[in-house]
Amino acid sequence: MKRHFKADMMLLLATIFWGLTFVTVKDAMNYSETFSFIAARFFIGAILVLPFAFKKLKAISKRTLNDALVLGVLVFSGFALQTAGLRETSSTRSAFITGLSVVLVPLISFLINKTKVDIYKLIAILLSALGLFLMFPPDSAPINRGDVLTLACAVVFAFVIVLIQKFTRRNDPLLLVFLQICFVSAISFAMALIFRETRMEFKTNFILDLLFTSVFATAGSLVLQYRYQKQTSETRAAIIYTLEPLFAALFAFLLIGERMAGMAIVGGAAIFIGMLLSEFGE
């Protein structure tokens, strides 16, 4: 348990930053289009990481470029699918379906890395899925295209978690982060031009939103994720990331007054217990 504690806490810190982005990104969308915001967010993130990765650039190999490109395409695709899905489904269904990546990670990890799941992690996964259901109970409306797109997003993010585990073991994590951020920014910039989503209003709120997401939720969180996830298991990491919607709901309550349902707190507690239980598997 001690062997993984520091890594788990660093991933938890990254998850807290990601949870706060739900409020900041929602506000930023009042001043910017989706693709242009993602492009700017990741571009600034790349600039922030560059001084630390600069000396490592001479060590770039073809494999590192390929791995970073794969992650960059997947991360961008995850953002794009989630955004497209939200246009046609509710935010609660989107949060629940996206969080189901925690269930998909062990299966994908087994297929790619032949990683087996012990009984503790299996129970932790079930608790996390239950927690997601309690926090974001899907409505009774029939399945629509938005739900399908969001499920595809969950699959993509599950692959990202598993591949980070694999790629950071054969590449320098900092270099991989920098290159992946550059690829996401470049793809987003290209999409912004293609779809003419270039509107950005540099109001005070937007600048603060952009700076937070760039510094903490992009550069900071990704460095923590790539540096520490390889020190724990993909399943444990996925369970920790499942706490993201709980932090999102908490910050939405504290910062903009959105009400938290009582069952959301119970659901968050179930996920947290699952995270603790997963510690006993190794």
C-alpha atoms as a PDB file:
ATOM      1  CA  MET A   1       0.000   0.000   0.000  1.00  0.00           C
ATOM      2  CA  LYS A   2       2.799   2.429   0.871  1.00  0.00           C
ATOM      3  CA  ARG A   3       4.444   1.704  -2.473  1.00  0.00           C
ATOM      4  CA  HIS A   4       1.514   3.226  -4.322  1.00  0.00           C
ATOM      5  CA  PHE A   5       0.430   5.916  -1.851  1.00  0.00           C
ATOM      6  CA  LYS A   6       2.429   8.838  -3.247  1.00  0.00           C
ATOM      7  CA  ALA A   7       1.487   7.982  -6.835  1.00  0.00           C
ATOM      8  CA  ASP A   8      -2.190   7.676  -5.892  1.00  0.00           C
ATOM      9  CA  MET A   9      -2.133  11.037  -4.097  1.00  0.00           C
ATOM     10  CA  MET A  10      -0.515  12.741  -7.093  1.00  0.00           C
ATOM     11  CA  LEU A  11      -3.162  11.264  -9.405  1.00  0.00           C
ATOM     12  CA  LEU A  12      -5.837  12.394  -6.947  1.00  0.00           C
ATOM     13  CA  LEU A  13      -4.423  15.943  -7.099  1.00  0.00           C
ATOM     14  CA  ALA A  14      -4.585  15.844 -10.907  1.00  0.00           C
ATOM     15  CA  THR A  15      -8.194  14.631 -10.651  1.00  0.00           C
ATOM     16  CA  ILE A  16      -9.064  17.565  -8.380  1.00  0.00           C
ATOM     17  CA  PHE A  17      -7.698  19.970 -10.996  1.00  0.00           C
ATOM     18  CA  TRP A  18      -9.708  18.221 -13.725  1.00  0.00           C
ATOM     19  CA  GLY A  19     -12.828  18.418 -11.562  1.00  0.00           C
ATOM     20  CA  LEU A  20     -12.454  22.177 -11.257  1.00  0.00           C
ATOM     21  CA  THR A  21     -12.245  22.549 -15.042  1.00  0.00           C
ATOM     22  CA  PHE A  22     -15.955  21.717 -15.408  1.00  0.00           C
ATOM     23  CA  VAL A  23     -16.745  25.123 -13.912  1.00  0.00           C
ATOM     24  CA  THR A  24     -13.981  27.032 -15.700  1.00  0.00           C
ATOM     25  CA  VAL A  25     -14.591  25.473 -19.123  1.00  0.00           C
ATOM     26  CA  LYS A  26     -18.337  26.060 -18.835  1.00  0.00           C
ATOM     27  CA  ASP A  27     -17.612  29.738 -18.188  1.00  0.00           C
ATOM     28  CA  ALA A  28     -14.976  29.908 -20.942  1.00  0.00           C
ATOM     29  CA  MET A  29     -17.491  28.688 -23.525  1.00  0.00           C
ATOM     30  CA  ASN A  30     -19.293  32.028 -23.098  1.00  0.00           C
ATOM     31  CA  TYR A  31     -16.293  33.730 -24.700  1.00  0.00           C
ATOM     32  CA  SER A  32     -14.851  31.141 -27.085  1.00  0.00           C
ATOM     33  CA  GLU A  33     -15.627  28.308 -29.493  1.00  0.00           C
ATOM     34  CA  THR A  34     -14.777  24.755 -28.455  1.00  0.00           C
ATOM     35  CA  PHE A  35     -11.908  23.938 -30.826  1.00  0.00           C
ATOM     36  CA  SER A  36     -10.235  27.353 -30.492  1.00  0.00           C
ATOM     37  CA  PHE A  37     -10.351  27.088 -26.700  1.00  0.00           C
ATOM     38  CA  ILE A  38      -8.829  23.586 -26.697  1.00  0.00           C
ATOM     39  CA  ALA A  39      -6.133  24.760 -29.142  1.00  0.00           C
ATOM     40  CA  ALA A  40      -5.236  27.760 -26.953  1.00  0.00           C
ATOM     41  CA  ARG A  41      -5.382  25.720 -23.728  1.00  0.00           C
ATOM     42  CA  PHE A  42      -2.985  23.060 -24.993  1.00  0.00           C
ATOM     43  CA  PHE A  43      -0.738  25.584 -26.764  1.00  0.00           C
ATOM     44  CA  ILE A  44      -0.141  27.450 -23.505  1.00  0.00           C
ATOM     45  CA  GLY A  45       0.324  24.100 -21.764  1.00  0.00           C
ATOM     46  CA  ALA A  46       3.032  23.202 -24.285  1.00  0.00           C
ATOM     47  CA  ILE A  47       4.823  26.502 -23.668  1.00  0.00           C
ATOM     48  CA  LEU A  48       4.766  25.837 -19.916  1.00  0.00           C
ATOM     49  CA  VAL A  49       6.204  22.328 -20.279  1.00  0.00           C
ATOM     50  CA  LEU A  50       8.796  23.274 -22.931  1.00  0.00           C
ATOM     51  CA  PRO A  51      11.493  24.660 -20.541  1.00  0.00           C
ATOM     52  CA  PHE A  52      11.490  21.369 -18.635  1.00  0.00           C
ATOM     53  CA  ALA A  53      11.432  19.181 -21.742  1.00  0.00           C
ATOM     54  CA  PHE A  54      13.792  21.275 -23.898  1.00  0.00           C
ATOM     55  CA  LYS A  55      16.986  19.373 -23.085  1.00  0.00           C
ATOM     56  CA  LYS A  56      15.211  16.086 -23.769  1.00  0.00           C
ATOM     57  CA  LEU A  57      14.133  17.043 -27.298  1.00  0.00           C
ATOM     58  CA  LYS A  58      17.398  15.802 -28.793  1.00  0.00           C
ATOM     59  CA  ALA A  59      16.504  12.340 -27.505  1.00  0.00           C
ATOM     60  CA  ILE A  60      13.265  12.169 -29.513  1.00  0.00           C
ATOM     61  CA  SER A  61      12.933   8.856 -31.318  1.00  0.00           C
ATOM     62  CA  LYS A  62      10.491   7.713 -33.965  1.00  0.00           C
ATOM     63  CA  ARG A  63       8.772   5.527 -31.372  1.00  0.00           C
ATOM     64  CA  THR A  64       8.338   8.470 -28.988  1.00  0.00           C
ATOM     65  CA  LEU A  65       6.812  10.560 -31.780  1.00  0.00           C
ATOM     66  CA  ASN A  66       4.469   7.732 -32.740  1.00  0.00           C
ATOM     67  CA  ASP A  67       3.395   7.122 -29.136  1.00  0.00           C
ATOM     68  CA  ALA A  68       2.796  10.840 -28.542  1.00  0.00           C
ATOM     69  CA  LEU A  69       0.818  11.117 -31.780  1.00  0.00           C
ATOM     70  CA  VAL A  70      -1.392   8.170 -30.821  1.00  0.00           C
ATOM     71  CA  LEU A  71      -2.106   9.738 -27.412  1.00  0.00           C
ATOM     72  CA  GLY A  72      -2.640  13.171 -28.957  1.00  0.00           C
ATOM     73  CA  VAL A  73      -5.189  11.851 -31.461  1.00  0.00           C
ATOM     74  CA  LEU A  74      -6.993   9.871 -28.756  1.00  0.00           C
ATOM     75  CA  VAL A  75      -7.122  12.775 -26.274  1.00  0.00           C
ATOM     76  CA  PHE A  76      -8.420  15.141 -28.947  1.00  0.00           C
ATOM     77  CA  SER A  77     -10.968  12.536 -30.068  1.00  0.00           C
ATOM     78  CA  GLY A  78     -12.152  12.099 -26.480  1.00  0.00           C
ATOM     79  CA  PHE A  79     -12.745  15.842 -26.108  1.00  0.00           C
ATOM     80  CA  ALA A  80     -14.482  16.061 -29.491  1.00  0.00           C
ATOM     81  CA  LEU A  81     -16.755  13.053 -28.880  1.00  0.00           C
ATOM     82  CA  GLN A  82     -17.722  14.259 -25.415  1.00  0.00           C
ATOM     83  CA  THR A  83     -18.532  17.757 -26.718  1.00  0.00           C
ATOM     84  CA  ALA A  84     -20.571  16.384 -29.640  1.00  0.00           C
ATOM     85  CA  GLY A  85     -22.401  13.999 -27.330  1.00  0.00           C
ATOM     86  CA  LEU A  86     -23.356  16.778 -24.931  1.00  0.00           C
ATOM     87  CA  ARG A  87     -25.246  18.516 -27.720  1.00  0.00           C
ATOM     88  CA  GLU A  88     -27.697  15.594 -27.895  1.00  0.00           C
ATOM     89  CA  THR A  89     -27.807  14.117 -24.397  1.00  0.00           C
ATOM     90  CA  SER A  90     -28.106  15.431 -20.849  1.00  0.00           C
ATOM     91  CA  SER A  91     -25.099  16.409 -18.756  1.00  0.00           C
ATOM     92  CA  THR A  92     -25.993  13.775 -16.144  1.00  0.00           C
ATOM     93  CA  ARG A  93     -26.094  10.983 -18.721  1.00  0.00           C
ATOM     94  CA  SER A  94     -22.858  12.272 -20.224  1.00  0.00           C
ATOM     95  CA  ALA A  95     -21.105  12.251 -16.831  1.00  0.00           C
ATOM     96  CA  PHE A  96     -22.353   8.757 -16.037  1.00  0.00           C
ATOM     97  CA  ILE A  97     -21.449   7.253 -19.427  1.00  0.00           C
ATOM     98  CA  THR A  98     -18.031   8.946 -19.550  1.00  0.00           C
ATOM     99  CA  GLY A  99     -17.251   7.635 -16.071  1.00  0.00           C
ATOM    100  CA  LEU A 100     -17.929   4.083 -17.248  1.00  0.00           C
ATOM    101  CA  SER A 101     -14.380   4.057 -18.595  1.00  0.00           C
ATOM    102  CA  VAL A 102     -13.497   2.698 -15.140  1.00  0.00           C
ATOM    103  CA  VAL A 103     -15.277  -0.532 -16.124  1.00  0.00           C
ATOM    104  CA  LEU A 104     -13.629  -0.655 -19.547  1.00  0.00           C
ATOM    105  CA  VAL A 105     -10.034  -0.099 -18.374  1.00  0.00           C
ATOM    106  CA  PRO A 106      -9.498  -3.597 -16.874  1.00  0.00           C
ATOM    107  CA  LEU A 107     -10.803  -5.268 -20.052  1.00  0.00           C
ATOM    108  CA  ILE A 108      -8.642  -3.136 -22.357  1.00  0.00           C
ATOM    109  CA  SER A 109      -5.661  -3.565 -20.040  1.00  0.00           C
ATOM    110  CA  PHE A 110      -6.063  -7.336 -20.198  1.00  0.00           C
ATOM    111  CA  LEU A 111      -6.267  -7.288 -24.001  1.00  0.00           C
ATOM    112  CA  ILE A 112      -3.222  -5.025 -24.425  1.00  0.00           C
ATOM    113  CA  ASN A 113      -1.020  -5.730 -21.401  1.00  0.00           C
ATOM    114  CA  LYS A 114      -2.428  -9.087 -20.212  1.00  0.00           C
ATOM    115  CA  THR A 115      -3.065  -7.493 -16.817  1.00  0.00           C
ATOM    116  CA  LYS A 116      -5.346  -9.494 -14.534  1.00  0.00           C
ATOM    117  CA  VAL A 117      -7.793  -7.969 -12.041  1.00  0.00           C
ATOM    118  CA  ASP A 118      -7.847  -9.317  -8.482  1.00  0.00           C
ATOM    119  CA  ILE A 119     -10.972  -9.565  -6.314  1.00  0.00           C
ATOM    120  CA  TYR A 120     -10.238  -6.298  -4.481  1.00  0.00           C
ATOM    121  CA  LYS A 121     -10.050  -4.300  -7.680  1.00  0.00           C
ATOM    122  CA  LEU A 122     -13.132  -6.041  -9.074  1.00  0.00           C
ATOM    123  CA  ILE A 123     -15.156  -4.990  -6.022  1.00  0.00           C
ATOM    124  CA  ALA A 124     -13.641  -1.504  -6.248  1.00  0.00           C
ATOM    125  CA  ILE A 125     -14.729  -1.247  -9.902  1.00  0.00           C
ATOM    126  CA  LEU A 126     -18.286  -2.288  -9.014  1.00  0.00           C
ATOM    127  CA  LEU A 127     -18.385   0.248  -6.165  1.00  0.00           C
ATOM    128  CA  SER A 128     -17.154   2.963  -8.524  1.00  0.00           C
ATOM    129  CA  ALA A 129     -19.815   2.104 -11.124  1.00  0.00           C
ATOM    130  CA  LEU A 130     -22.469   2.170  -8.376  1.00  0.00           C
ATOM    131  CA  GLY A 131     -21.117   5.503  -7.161  1.00  0.00           C
ATOM    132  CA  LEU A 132     -21.375   6.950 -10.660  1.00  0.00           C
ATOM    133  CA  PHE A 133     -24.972   5.755 -10.931  1.00  0.00           C
ATOM    134  CA  LEU A 134     -25.862   7.377  -7.594  1.00  0.00           C
ATOM    135  CA  MET A 135     -24.171  10.656  -8.552  1.00  0.00           C
ATOM    136  CA  PHE A 136     -25.548  10.809 -12.071  1.00  0.00           C
ATOM    137  CA  PRO A 137     -28.621   8.547 -12.385  1.00  0.00           C
ATOM    138  CA  PRO A 138     -29.436   8.394 -16.126  1.00  0.00           C
ATOM    139  CA  ASP A 139     -32.962   9.499 -17.010  1.00  0.00           C
ATOM    140  CA  SER A 140     -35.454   7.105 -18.583  1.00  0.00           C
ATOM    141  CA  ALA A 141     -35.275   8.664 -22.061  1.00  0.00           C
ATOM    142  CA  PRO A 142     -34.380   6.227 -24.855  1.00  0.00           C
ATOM    143  CA  ILE A 143     -30.772   5.900 -25.973  1.00  0.00           C
ATOM    144  CA  ASN A 144     -29.893   8.564 -28.532  1.00  0.00           C
ATOM    145  CA  ARG A 145     -26.932   9.402 -30.760  1.00  0.00           C
ATOM    146  CA  GLY A 146     -25.448  11.609 -28.061  1.00  0.00           C
ATOM    147  CA  ASP A 147     -25.292   8.635 -25.700  1.00  0.00           C
ATOM    148  CA  VAL A 148     -23.515   6.563 -28.348  1.00  0.00           C
ATOM    149  CA  LEU A 149     -20.971   9.332 -28.994  1.00  0.00           C
ATOM    150  CA  THR A 150     -20.365   9.674 -25.253  1.00  0.00           C
ATOM    151  CA  LEU A 151     -19.863   5.924 -24.903  1.00  0.00           C
ATOM    152  CA  ALA A 152     -17.276   6.154 -27.678  1.00  0.00           C
ATOM    153  CA  CYS A 153     -15.639   8.917 -25.638  1.00  0.00           C
ATOM    154  CA  ALA A 154     -15.513   6.603 -22.600  1.00  0.00           C
ATOM    155  CA  VAL A 155     -13.853   3.888 -24.701  1.00  0.00           C
ATOM    156  CA  VAL A 156     -11.293   6.401 -26.000  1.00  0.00           C
ATOM    157  CA  PHE A 157     -10.419   7.644 -22.501  1.00  0.00           C
ATOM    158  CA  ALA A 158     -10.100   4.045 -21.285  1.00  0.00           C
ATOM    159  CA  PHE A 159      -7.568   3.403 -24.058  1.00  0.00           C
ATOM    160  CA  VAL A 160      -5.714   6.584 -23.071  1.00  0.00           C
ATOM    161  CA  ILE A 161      -5.361   5.379 -19.467  1.00  0.00           C
ATOM    162  CA  VAL A 162      -4.063   1.967 -20.540  1.00  0.00           C
ATOM    163  CA  LEU A 163      -1.693   3.312 -23.199  1.00  0.00           C
ATOM    164  CA  ILE A 164      -0.227   5.895 -20.821  1.00  0.00           C
ATOM    165  CA  GLN A 165       0.699   2.984 -18.585  1.00  0.00           C
ATOM    166  CA  LYS A 166       2.435   1.259 -21.494  1.00  0.00           C
ATOM    167  CA  PHE A 167       4.047   4.246 -23.217  1.00  0.00           C
ATOM    168  CA  THR A 168       5.502   5.932 -20.103  1.00  0.00           C
ATOM    169  CA  ARG A 169       7.444   2.758 -19.355  1.00  0.00           C
ATOM    170  CA  ARG A 170       9.336   2.995 -22.642  1.00  0.00           C
ATOM    171  CA  ASN A 171       9.540   6.787 -23.084  1.00  0.00           C
ATOM    172  CA  ASP A 172      10.547   9.778 -20.996  1.00  0.00           C
ATOM    173  CA  PRO A 173       7.228  10.894 -19.400  1.00  0.00           C
ATOM    174  CA  LEU A 174       8.003  14.615 -19.628  1.00  0.00           C
ATOM    175  CA  LEU A 175       8.935  14.389 -23.297  1.00  0.00           C
ATOM    176  CA  LEU A 176       5.834  12.314 -23.999  1.00  0.00           C
ATOM    177  CA  VAL A 177       3.620  14.893 -22.252  1.00  0.00           C
ATOM    178  CA  PHE A 178       5.136  17.774 -24.206  1.00  0.00           C
ATOM    179  CA  LEU A 179       4.756  16.103 -27.594  1.00  0.00           C
ATOM    180  CA  GLN A 180       1.225  14.892 -26.866  1.00  0.00           C
ATOM    181  CA  ILE A 181       0.142  18.392 -25.791  1.00  0.00           C
ATOM    182  CA  CYS A 182       1.628  19.815 -29.001  1.00  0.00           C
ATOM    183  CA  PHE A 183      -0.284  17.296 -31.120  1.00  0.00           C
ATOM    184  CA  VAL A 184      -3.600  18.027 -29.355  1.00  0.00           C
ATOM    185  CA  SER A 185      -3.092  21.776 -29.830  1.00  0.00           C
ATOM    186  CA  ALA A 186      -2.182  21.380 -33.513  1.00  0.00           C
ATOM    187  CA  ILE A 187      -5.168  19.119 -34.275  1.00  0.00           C
ATOM    188  CA  SER A 188      -7.539  21.446 -32.400  1.00  0.00           C
ATOM    189  CA  PHE A 189      -6.159  24.483 -34.245  1.00  0.00           C
ATOM    190  CA  ALA A 190      -6.685  22.735 -37.583  1.00  0.00           C
ATOM    191  CA  MET A 191     -10.266  21.804 -36.638  1.00  0.00           C
ATOM    192  CA  ALA A 192     -10.941  25.388 -35.523  1.00  0.00           C
ATOM    193  CA  LEU A 193      -9.886  26.639 -38.960  1.00  0.00           C
ATOM    194  CA  ILE A 194     -11.795  23.943 -40.852  1.00  0.00           C
ATOM    195  CA  PHE A 195     -15.040  24.554 -38.954  1.00  0.00           C
ATOM    196  CA  ARG A 196     -14.382  28.291 -38.560  1.00  0.00           C
ATOM    197  CA  GLU A 197     -14.553  28.114 -34.786  1.00  0.00           C
ATOM    198  CA  THR A 198     -12.110  30.952 -34.150  1.00  0.00           C
ATOM    199  CA  ARG A 199     -14.129  33.246 -31.866  1.00  0.00           C
ATOM    200  CA  MET A 200     -12.259  34.206 -28.676  1.00  0.00           C
ATOM    201  CA  GLU A 201     -13.159  37.185 -26.484  1.00  0.00           C
ATOM    202  CA  PHE A 202     -10.290  38.015 -24.154  1.00  0.00           C
ATOM    203  CA  LYS A 203     -12.367  39.201 -21.206  1.00  0.00           C
ATOM    204  CA  THR A 204     -10.952  38.961 -17.679  1.00  0.00           C
ATOM    205  CA  ASN A 205     -12.998  35.851 -16.844  1.00  0.00           C
ATOM    206  CA  PHE A 206     -11.924  34.098 -20.031  1.00  0.00           C
ATOM    207  CA  ILE A 207      -8.238  34.846 -19.424  1.00  0.00           C
ATOM    208  CA  LEU A 208      -8.494  33.452 -15.885  1.00  0.00           C
ATOM    209  CA  ASP A 209     -10.336  30.359 -17.161  1.00  0.00           C
ATOM    210  CA  LEU A 210      -7.734  29.811 -19.872  1.00  0.00           C
ATOM    211  CA  LEU A 211      -4.802  30.259 -17.503  1.00  0.00           C
ATOM    212  CA  PHE A 212      -6.201  27.854 -14.921  1.00  0.00           C
ATOM    213  CA  THR A 213      -6.964  25.113 -17.428  1.00  0.00           C
ATOM    214  CA  SER A 214      -3.597  25.572 -19.132  1.00  0.00           C
ATOM    215  CA  VAL A 215      -1.422  25.729 -16.007  1.00  0.00           C
ATOM    216  CA  PHE A 216      -3.130  23.306 -13.654  1.00  0.00           C
ATOM    217  CA  ALA A 217      -5.521  21.091 -15.649  1.00  0.00           C
ATOM    218  CA  THR A 218      -3.272  20.632 -18.699  1.00  0.00           C
ATOM    219  CA  ALA A 219       0.450  21.128 -18.015  1.00  0.00           C
ATOM    220  CA  GLY A 220       0.353  20.336 -14.293  1.00  0.00           C
ATOM    221  CA  SER A 221      -2.167  17.496 -14.313  1.00  0.00           C
ATOM    222  CA  LEU A 222      -0.740  15.733 -17.354  1.00  0.00           C
ATOM    223  CA  VAL A 223       2.792  15.858 -15.971  1.00  0.00           C
ATOM    224  CA  LEU A 224       1.481  14.307 -12.734  1.00  0.00           C
ATOM    225  CA  GLN A 225      -0.490  11.688 -14.652  1.00  0.00           C
ATOM    226  CA  TYR A 226       2.374  10.664 -16.934  1.00  0.00           C
ATOM    227  CA  ARG A 227       4.934  10.778 -14.125  1.00  0.00           C
ATOM    228  CA  TYR A 228       3.021   8.790 -11.516  1.00  0.00           C
ATOM    229  CA  GLN A 229       0.455   6.559 -13.216  1.00  0.00           C
ATOM    230  CA  LYS A 230       3.127   4.049 -14.182  1.00  0.00           C
ATOM    231  CA  GLN A 231       3.842   3.595 -10.454  1.00  0.00           C
ATOM    232  CA  THR A 232       0.347   2.243  -9.844  1.00  0.00           C
ATOM    233  CA  SER A 233      -2.062   0.031 -11.810  1.00  0.00           C
ATOM    234  CA  GLU A 234      -4.342   1.117 -14.636  1.00  0.00           C
ATOM    235  CA  THR A 235      -7.401  -0.066 -12.701  1.00  0.00           C
ATOM    236  CA  ARG A 236      -6.480   1.851  -9.553  1.00  0.00           C
ATOM    237  CA  ALA A 237      -5.775   4.953 -11.635  1.00  0.00           C
ATOM    238  CA  ALA A 238      -9.154   4.627 -13.386  1.00  0.00           C
ATOM    239  CA  ILE A 239     -10.920   4.396 -10.024  1.00  0.00           C
ATOM    240  CA  ILE A 240      -9.166   7.547  -8.828  1.00  0.00           C
ATOM    241  CA  TYR A 241     -10.125   9.388 -12.027  1.00  0.00           C
ATOM    242  CA  THR A 242     -13.750   8.404 -11.391  1.00  0.00           C
ATOM    243  CA  LEU A 243     -13.731  10.920  -8.520  1.00  0.00           C
ATOM    244  CA  GLU A 244     -13.501  13.715 -11.106  1.00  0.00           C
ATOM    245  CA  PRO A 245     -17.292  14.253 -11.387  1.00  0.00           C
ATOM    246  CA  LEU A 246     -17.570  14.370  -7.590  1.00  0.00           C
ATOM    247  CA  PHE A 247     -14.998  17.160  -7.443  1.00  0.00           C
ATOM    248  CA  ALA A 248     -16.778  18.825 -10.374  1.00  0.00           C
ATOM    249  CA  ALA A 249     -20.067  18.789  -8.461  1.00  0.00           C
ATOM    250  CA  LEU A 250     -18.362  20.002  -5.285  1.00  0.00           C
ATOM    251  CA  PHE A 251     -16.659  22.941  -6.991  1.00  0.00           C
ATOM    252  CA  ALA A 252     -19.852  23.790  -8.879  1.00  0.00           C
ATOM    253  CA  PHE A 253     -21.622  23.999  -5.510  1.00  0.00           C
ATOM    254  CA  LEU A 254     -18.885  26.076  -3.869  1.00  0.00           C
ATOM    255  CA  LEU A 255     -18.188  28.442  -6.781  1.00  0.00           C
ATOM    256  CA  ILE A 256     -21.462  28.900  -8.655  1.00  0.00           C
ATOM    257  CA  GLY A 257     -24.055  27.595  -6.222  1.00  0.00           C
ATOM    258  CA  GLU A 258     -25.201  24.479  -8.080  1.00  0.00           C
ATOM    259  CA  ARG A 259     -26.971  22.141  -5.681  1.00  0.00           C
ATOM    260  CA  MET A 260     -25.545  18.715  -4.881  1.00  0.00           C
ATOM    261  CA  ALA A 261     -28.078  15.930  -4.425  1.00  0.00           C
ATOM    262  CA  GLY A 262     -27.755  13.858  -1.272  1.00  0.00           C
ATOM    263  CA  MET A 263     -27.278  10.670  -3.297  1.00  0.00           C
ATOM    264  CA  ALA A 264     -24.372  12.347  -5.113  1.00  0.00           C
ATOM    265  CA  ILE A 265     -22.516  12.513  -1.822  1.00  0.00           C
ATOM    266  CA  VAL A 266     -23.296   8.841  -1.152  1.00  0.00           C
ATOM    267  CA  GLY A 267     -22.090   7.979  -4.651  1.00  0.00           C
ATOM    268  CA  GLY A 268     -18.865   9.888  -4.118  1.00  0.00           C
ATOM    269  CA  ALA A 269     -18.322   8.034  -0.849  1.00  0.00           C
ATOM    270  CA  ALA A 270     -18.794   4.696  -2.660  1.00  0.00           C
ATOM    271  CA  ILE A 271     -16.137   5.638  -5.214  1.00  0.00           C
ATOM    272  CA  PHE A 272     -13.776   6.793  -2.462  1.00  0.00           C
ATOM    273  CA  ILE A 273     -14.247   3.512  -0.593  1.00  0.00           C
ATOM    274  CA  GLY A 274     -13.561   1.693  -3.853  1.00  0.00           C
ATOM    275  CA  MET A 275     -10.332   3.672  -4.255  1.00  0.00           C
ATOM    276  CA  LEU A 276      -9.223   2.675  -0.739  1.00  0.00           C
ATOM    277  CA  LEU A 277     -10.219  -0.951  -1.290  1.00  0.00           C
ATOM    278  CA  SER A 278      -8.193  -1.136  -4.500  1.00  0.00           C
ATOM    279  CA  GLU A 279      -5.066  -0.486  -2.431  1.00  0.00           C
ATOM    280  CA  PHE A 280      -5.274  -3.978  -0.927  1.00  0.00           C
ATOM    281  CA  GLY A 281      -4.956  -5.829  -4.196  1.00  0.00           C
ATOM    282  CA  GLU A 282      -1.189  -5.515  -4.531  1.00  0.00           C
END
